[in-house]
Protein backbone atom coordinates (compact mmCIF):
# COMPACT_ATOMS: atom_id res chain seq x y z
CA MET A 1 0.00 -0.15 0.22
CA ARG A 2 1.37 3.29 -0.87
CA GLY A 3 1.81 5.81 2.04
CA THR A 4 0.57 9.45 2.35
CA PRO A 5 2.03 12.47 1.46
CA ARG A 6 2.75 13.02 5.17
CA SER A 7 4.45 10.01 5.95
CA ASN A 8 6.33 10.15 2.31
CA LYS A 9 7.28 13.62 3.25
CA ILE A 10 8.23 12.56 7.09
CA HIS A 11 11.01 9.52 5.37
CA ASN A 12 12.26 11.77 3.01
CA LYS A 13 13.22 14.11 6.00
CA GLU A 14 14.70 11.56 7.56
CA ASP A 15 16.88 10.26 4.47
CA GLU A 16 17.85 13.74 4.27
CA THR A 17 19.34 13.79 7.95
CA ILE A 18 20.87 10.75 7.18
CA SER A 19 22.68 11.91 4.12
CA LYS A 20 24.02 15.14 5.81
CA ILE A 21 25.37 12.99 8.68
CA ASN A 22 26.83 10.65 6.44
CA ASN A 23 28.21 13.45 4.41
CA LYS A 24 29.34 15.06 7.45
CA GLY A 25 31.03 12.17 8.91
CA PHE A 26 32.95 11.27 5.42
CA LYS A 27 34.03 14.93 5.11
CA LYS A 28 35.82 14.61 9.09
CA LYS A 29 37.26 11.45 7.66
CA LYS A 30 38.46 12.37 4.35
CA LYS A 31 40.02 15.88 6.45
CA LEU A 32 41.61 13.71 9.49
CA THR A 33 43.13 11.41 6.30
CA LYS A 34 44.66 14.59 4.85
CA THR A 35 45.72 15.81 8.16
CA ILE A 36 47.54 12.20 8.84
CA ARG A 37 49.18 12.25 5.13
CA ALA A 38 50.35 15.86 5.79
CA VAL A 39 51.65 14.73 9.05
CA ILE A 40 53.74 11.81 7.60
CA PHE A 41 54.63 13.73 4.59
CA TYR A 42 56.61 16.70 6.95
CA LEU A 43 57.94 13.96 9.25
CA ALA A 44 59.66 12.30 6.26
CA LEU A 45 60.70 15.35 4.84
CA PHE A 46 62.30 16.37 8.21
CA CYS A 47 63.68 12.83 8.11
CA SER A 48 65.42 13.61 4.68
CA ILE A 49 66.37 16.71 5.51
CA VAL A 50 68.64 15.57 8.60
CA LEU A 51 70.00 12.95 6.75
CA ILE A 52 70.86 15.37 3.83
CA PHE A 53 72.34 17.91 6.16
CA GLN A 54 73.30 16.14 9.50
CA TYR A 55 77.01 16.03 8.34
CA PRO A 56 77.46 19.86 7.81
CA LEU A 57 75.14 20.46 10.64
CA THR A 58 76.85 18.21 13.39
CA GLN A 59 80.49 19.76 11.81
CA LEU A 60 79.15 23.01 12.28
CA MET A 61 77.42 22.24 15.99
CA VAL A 62 80.86 20.94 17.32
CA LYS A 63 83.05 23.26 15.46
CA LYS A 64 81.09 26.07 17.55
CA ASN A 65 81.09 23.64 20.83
CA SER A 66 85.05 23.70 20.77
CA SER A 67 85.64 27.04 19.18
CA VAL A 68 84.01 28.68 22.23
CA TYR A 69 86.66 27.32 24.32
CA SER A 70 89.33 28.63 22.22
CA LEU A 71 92.66 28.53 23.95
CA LYS A 72 93.23 32.16 23.18
CA LYS A 73 90.37 33.17 24.30
CA VAL A 74 91.21 31.81 27.72
CA SER A 75 93.79 33.51 30.03
CA LEU A 76 96.29 31.59 32.76
CA LYS A 77 93.89 32.77 35.50
CA THR A 78 90.69 31.33 34.38
CA ILE A 79 92.77 27.99 33.78
CA ASP A 80 94.56 28.08 36.93
CA GLU A 81 91.22 28.56 38.85
CA ASN A 82 89.39 26.03 36.52
CA LYS A 83 91.90 23.10 37.74
CA LYS A 84 90.32 23.69 41.11
CA ILE A 85 86.88 22.74 40.39
CA LYS A 86 85.51 20.10 41.43
CA GLY A 87 85.21 18.03 38.11
CA ASN A 88 82.38 15.78 37.19
CA PHE A 89 83.99 12.11 36.95
CA ASP A 90 81.70 9.63 35.07
CA THR A 91 83.25 7.49 32.65
CA LYS A 92 80.02 5.17 31.72
CA ASN A 93 79.25 8.10 29.54
CA ILE A 94 81.71 7.34 27.12
CA ALA A 95 79.86 6.07 24.25
CA THR A 96 79.04 6.73 20.61
CA ILE A 97 76.76 9.96 20.13
CA ASN A 98 74.62 11.46 16.94
CA PHE A 99 73.59 14.62 15.52
CA PHE A 100 70.46 14.66 17.95
CA ASP A 101 73.21 14.44 21.42
CA ILE A 102 75.17 16.92 19.69
CA ALA A 103 71.96 19.13 19.26
CA LYS A 104 70.40 18.59 22.40
CA SER A 105 74.00 19.63 23.78
CA GLN A 106 73.68 23.29 22.60
CA LEU A 107 70.50 23.52 25.40
CA SER A 108 72.64 22.70 28.34
CA ASP A 109 74.59 25.34 30.30
CA ASN A 110 77.76 25.33 28.42
CA ASN A 111 80.29 27.13 31.39
CA TYR A 112 82.49 24.31 31.47
CA PRO A 113 85.97 24.23 33.13
CA ILE A 114 88.64 24.82 30.19
CA THR A 115 92.25 23.33 31.70
CA GLY A 116 94.30 23.54 28.29
CA GLY A 117 94.32 21.68 24.77
CA ILE A 118 94.96 18.55 23.40
CA SER A 119 96.89 18.01 19.78
CA TYR A 120 97.25 15.01 17.67
CA PRO A 121 98.61 16.03 14.65
CA ALA A 122 98.66 12.67 12.95
CA LEU A 123 95.14 12.32 13.32
CA GLY A 124 93.94 16.19 13.06
CA ILE A 125 92.75 16.25 16.72
CA ASN A 126 92.94 19.69 17.92
CA LEU A 127 90.51 20.20 21.16
CA PRO A 128 89.63 21.87 24.35
CA VAL A 129 90.70 19.84 27.69
CA PHE A 130 88.20 20.17 30.11
CA ASN A 131 88.42 19.50 33.94
CA GLY A 132 85.90 16.39 34.42
CA ASP A 133 84.48 13.96 31.99
CA GLY A 134 80.48 14.56 31.86
CA ASP A 135 78.67 13.64 29.08
CA ASN A 136 77.73 17.38 27.44
CA ILE A 137 81.74 18.47 28.09
CA MET A 138 82.66 15.77 25.78
CA THR A 139 80.71 17.29 23.12
CA TYR A 140 82.67 20.05 23.67
CA GLY A 141 86.04 18.31 23.27
CA ALA A 142 88.28 16.23 25.56
CA GLY A 143 87.67 15.54 29.56
CA THR A 144 89.95 14.17 32.38
CA MET A 145 88.98 11.22 33.71
CA LYS A 146 90.09 11.95 37.34
CA ALA A 147 90.71 14.26 39.96
CA ASN A 148 93.36 16.60 40.33
CA GLN A 149 95.38 15.35 36.84
CA ILE A 150 98.33 17.48 36.16
CA MET A 151 99.98 17.29 32.75
CA GLY A 152 103.35 16.05 32.16
CA GLN A 153 102.92 13.75 35.67
CA GLY A 154 101.59 10.03 36.05
CA ASN A 155 98.87 8.81 33.79
CA PHE A 156 97.07 11.91 32.32
CA ALA A 157 93.87 10.39 30.91
CA LEU A 158 91.30 12.11 28.70
CA ALA A 159 88.28 10.86 27.34
CA SER A 160 85.95 11.78 24.63
CA HIS A 161 82.97 11.08 22.07
CA HIS A 162 83.03 9.11 19.30
CA VAL A 163 80.62 10.43 16.80
CA SER A 164 78.67 7.54 14.79
CA ASN A 165 77.87 7.45 11.29
CA VAL A 166 74.34 7.14 9.83
CA VAL A 167 75.81 7.31 6.33
CA GLY A 168 79.15 6.78 5.57
CA HIS A 169 82.34 8.13 7.23
CA TRP A 170 81.80 11.48 7.33
CA ALA A 171 82.35 12.05 11.20
CA ASP A 172 85.42 10.29 11.14
CA ASN A 173 87.11 13.21 11.88
CA LEU A 174 84.76 14.66 14.48
CA LEU A 175 86.00 14.61 18.61
CA PHE A 176 87.95 11.64 19.15
CA SER A 177 86.73 9.67 16.16
CA PRO A 178 90.06 9.59 14.78
CA LEU A 179 91.28 7.50 17.22
CA GLU A 180 90.41 4.46 15.50
CA HIS A 181 92.95 5.68 12.91
CA ALA A 182 95.76 5.84 15.73
CA LYS A 183 99.32 3.93 15.29
CA THR A 184 102.23 3.64 17.47
CA ASN A 185 105.28 6.51 17.43
CA GLN A 186 102.69 9.54 16.72
CA GLU A 187 102.85 12.68 18.78
CA ILE A 188 100.51 13.90 20.85
CA TYR A 189 100.50 17.13 22.65
CA LEU A 190 99.42 19.05 25.94
CA THR A 191 99.24 22.35 27.17
CA ASP A 192 97.95 24.15 29.77
CA LYS A 193 99.43 27.57 28.69
CA ARG A 194 102.71 27.55 30.97
CA LYS A 195 104.21 24.39 28.97
CA VAL A 196 103.84 22.07 25.96
CA TYR A 197 103.93 18.27 26.92
CA LYS A 198 105.05 15.77 24.21
CA TYR A 199 103.99 12.67 24.11
CA ARG A 200 104.78 9.57 21.78
CA THR A 201 102.21 6.97 21.57
CA SER A 202 103.65 3.63 22.60
CA LYS A 203 99.80 1.67 22.60
CA VAL A 204 96.70 1.29 20.53
CA SER A 205 94.47 -1.49 21.61
CA ILE A 206 90.56 -2.41 21.93
CA ILE A 207 89.45 -2.95 25.70
CA LYS A 208 86.53 -3.52 27.81
CA PRO A 209 84.48 -0.88 29.43
CA SER A 210 85.40 -3.01 32.54
CA GLU A 211 88.77 -2.51 32.15
CA GLY A 212 89.05 1.01 34.04
CA ASN A 213 92.57 0.13 35.53
CA VAL A 214 94.37 1.38 32.57
CA ILE A 215 93.89 5.33 33.68
CA LEU A 216 95.39 4.52 36.82
CA ASP A 217 99.22 5.63 37.67
CA GLN A 218 101.76 3.04 37.05
CA GLY A 219 104.60 3.77 39.16
CA LYS A 220 106.61 7.06 38.11
CA GLU A 221 105.67 6.35 34.74
CA LYS A 222 104.71 10.02 33.12
CA GLU A 223 102.16 8.97 29.89
CA ILE A 224 98.89 9.74 28.49
CA THR A 225 95.67 7.95 28.00
CA LEU A 226 93.07 8.74 25.43
CA ILE A 227 90.00 6.65 25.31
CA THR A 228 86.80 6.99 23.34
CA CYS A 229 84.17 4.17 22.45
CA TYR A 230 84.36 1.94 19.85
CA SER A 231 81.81 1.83 17.43
CA ASP A 232 79.19 -0.68 19.10
CA ASP A 233 79.65 1.03 22.43
CA ARG A 234 80.49 -2.48 24.24
CA PHE A 235 84.36 -2.39 23.49
CA ARG A 236 86.54 1.08 23.77
CA ILE A 237 89.34 2.15 21.83
CA LEU A 238 92.95 3.14 24.14
CA VAL A 239 95.61 4.95 22.89
CA GLN A 240 98.57 5.51 25.16
CA GLY A 241 101.87 7.50 24.83
CA LYS A 242 104.69 8.22 27.19
CA LEU A 243 106.31 11.67 27.79
CA GLU A 244 109.47 12.38 25.55
CA SER A 245 109.76 16.39 26.62
CA VAL A 246 108.62 19.42 28.02
CA LEU A 247 108.84 22.56 26.11
CA SER A 248 107.67 26.07 26.30
CA TYR A 249 104.48 27.53 25.74
CA ASN A 250 105.60 30.44 23.42
CA SER A 251 105.00 31.79 19.68
CA LYS A 252 106.08 28.69 18.12
CA THR A 253 104.93 25.99 20.28
CA LYS A 254 101.32 27.47 20.79
CA GLN A 255 100.79 27.15 16.91
CA LEU A 256 100.55 23.16 18.06
CA PHE A 257 96.96 24.13 19.30
CA SER A 258 95.92 27.16 17.08
CA GLY A 259 95.05 24.88 13.67
CA LYS A 260 91.54 26.63 13.48
CA LEU A 261 90.41 23.06 14.63
CA THR A 262 92.13 20.98 12.25
CA GLN A 263 89.65 18.31 12.79
CA TYR A 264 87.12 20.15 10.88
CA ASN A 265 88.90 21.32 7.99
CA LYS A 266 90.03 18.01 6.18
């Protein structure tokens, strides 16, 4: 039986209402889909930019970090005062870092106690030396691994980060990353702007993190120990050298530490 005009009108209105609801829901769903696609697109774009530009950005940030503490910018008085500061010594923080770790370090308080500089010409290492080896300190240079260390005496132990490579070998020359290419019979220089201490490498090896005794003084031996993380963090790269001579810090020897951060200019 056919419905009355009134009932047909009611059904038509109900159909229109359902249609509007369905259209509204479809539009919301379509808008949400577009939003999700846009978010995915921009995330992919961001990741692509990071991958493409992480090399120059990381180089720039590490260079900026270290240049803040250039030896020519720090006085002898400041160095002497910084030696008296209680440093943060936490060797478990020696690990590989990446672009994001370096970017994060830019947000931290960077008033770190510089006490000198290290130059390793054969590997292009030229970095400030700090009192302590806290995690952020090691994104700026090399940190002492024991309290009250004195250059030219005992076992002067330093640590810094090994920057991980996402693609290729672009970070091989940052911070202590070059230590993976260290060899014996190479020269290492330390300075506190009073004297220059010349060491010659005598040992290069891979050790476990538990072998912390390598940084201890060995009787009357005068040596240097450099440590950084190996590529997979389960091991450490160890470089040690013997003190060969003590030189004056003058216009000639200070050139060893003014190479415009040579590890960034290869």
